[in-house]
């Protein structure tokens, strides 16, 4: 399946379209097909990592890879 992956903090250039393994639900889990999503101002600031204190608030050093 295709997914947009964030490879680091920064501008939209940090986002990449990648082919990833399709997730499979485990016991007592469901798989949801998302057809649309949106980004609000807080999401945008967290993706950019600016201001830097937001990284501490979220307790992350960098986005997961």
Protein backbone atom coordinates (compact mmCIF):
# COMPACT_ATOMS: atom_id res chain seq x y z
CA UNK A 1 0.00 0.00 0.00
CA UNK A 2 1.12 3.58 -0.49
CA UNK A 3 1.55 6.01 2.41
CA UNK A 4 2.91 9.49 3.02
CA UNK A 5 5.82 9.12 5.45
CA UNK A 6 7.43 11.94 7.44
CA UNK A 7 11.20 11.44 7.43
CA UNK A 8 12.09 14.35 9.70
CA UNK A 9 11.05 17.75 10.94
CA UNK A 10 10.69 20.43 8.33
CA UNK A 11 8.75 21.65 5.36
CA UNK A 12 6.53 19.47 3.19
CA UNK A 13 9.78 18.38 1.49
CA UNK A 14 10.28 16.08 4.52
CA UNK A 15 7.23 14.06 3.40
CA UNK A 16 7.70 11.11 1.04
CA UNK A 17 5.29 8.83 -0.77
CA UNK A 18 6.41 5.28 0.04
CA UNK A 19 5.20 1.76 -0.58
CA UNK A 20 4.74 0.14 2.84
CA UNK A 21 3.54 -3.25 4.04
CA UNK A 22 -0.22 -3.37 4.51
CA UNK A 23 -1.11 -3.57 8.20
CA UNK A 24 -3.07 -6.54 9.43
CA UNK A 25 -5.28 -6.24 12.51
CA UNK A 26 -4.61 -8.42 15.51
CA UNK A 27 -7.07 -9.86 18.00
CA UNK A 28 -9.63 -7.30 19.19
CA UNK A 29 -8.45 -4.77 16.56
CA UNK A 30 -10.01 -3.41 13.39
CA UNK A 31 -8.49 -2.05 10.19
CA UNK A 32 -10.02 1.25 9.06
CA UNK A 33 -9.83 2.43 5.45
CA UNK A 34 -9.15 6.19 5.51
CA UNK A 35 -10.17 7.92 2.30
CA UNK A 36 -9.48 11.51 3.35
CA UNK A 37 -7.66 13.35 6.11
CA UNK A 38 -6.83 16.92 7.03
CA UNK A 39 -4.10 18.81 8.84
CA UNK A 40 -4.80 21.56 11.36
CA UNK A 41 -2.44 24.27 12.59
CA UNK A 42 -1.18 22.21 15.56
CA UNK A 43 -0.39 19.22 13.32
CA UNK A 44 1.56 21.52 11.01
CA UNK A 45 3.61 22.97 13.89
CA UNK A 46 4.36 19.49 15.25
CA UNK A 47 5.49 18.29 11.81
CA UNK A 48 7.82 21.27 11.48
CA UNK A 49 9.13 20.88 15.05
CA UNK A 50 8.93 24.66 15.50
CA UNK A 51 8.95 26.07 18.10
CA UNK A 52 11.40 23.54 19.50
CA UNK A 53 9.59 23.27 22.86
CA UNK A 54 6.82 21.40 21.02
CA UNK A 55 9.25 18.49 20.59
CA UNK A 56 9.61 18.29 24.36
CA UNK A 57 5.86 18.60 24.93
CA UNK A 58 5.30 15.66 22.57
CA UNK A 59 8.26 13.79 24.15
CA UNK A 60 9.80 12.97 20.78
CA UNK A 61 13.20 13.69 19.37
CA UNK A 62 12.16 13.12 15.77
CA UNK A 63 9.30 11.57 13.85
CA UNK A 64 9.25 7.77 13.64
CA UNK A 65 10.73 6.24 10.53
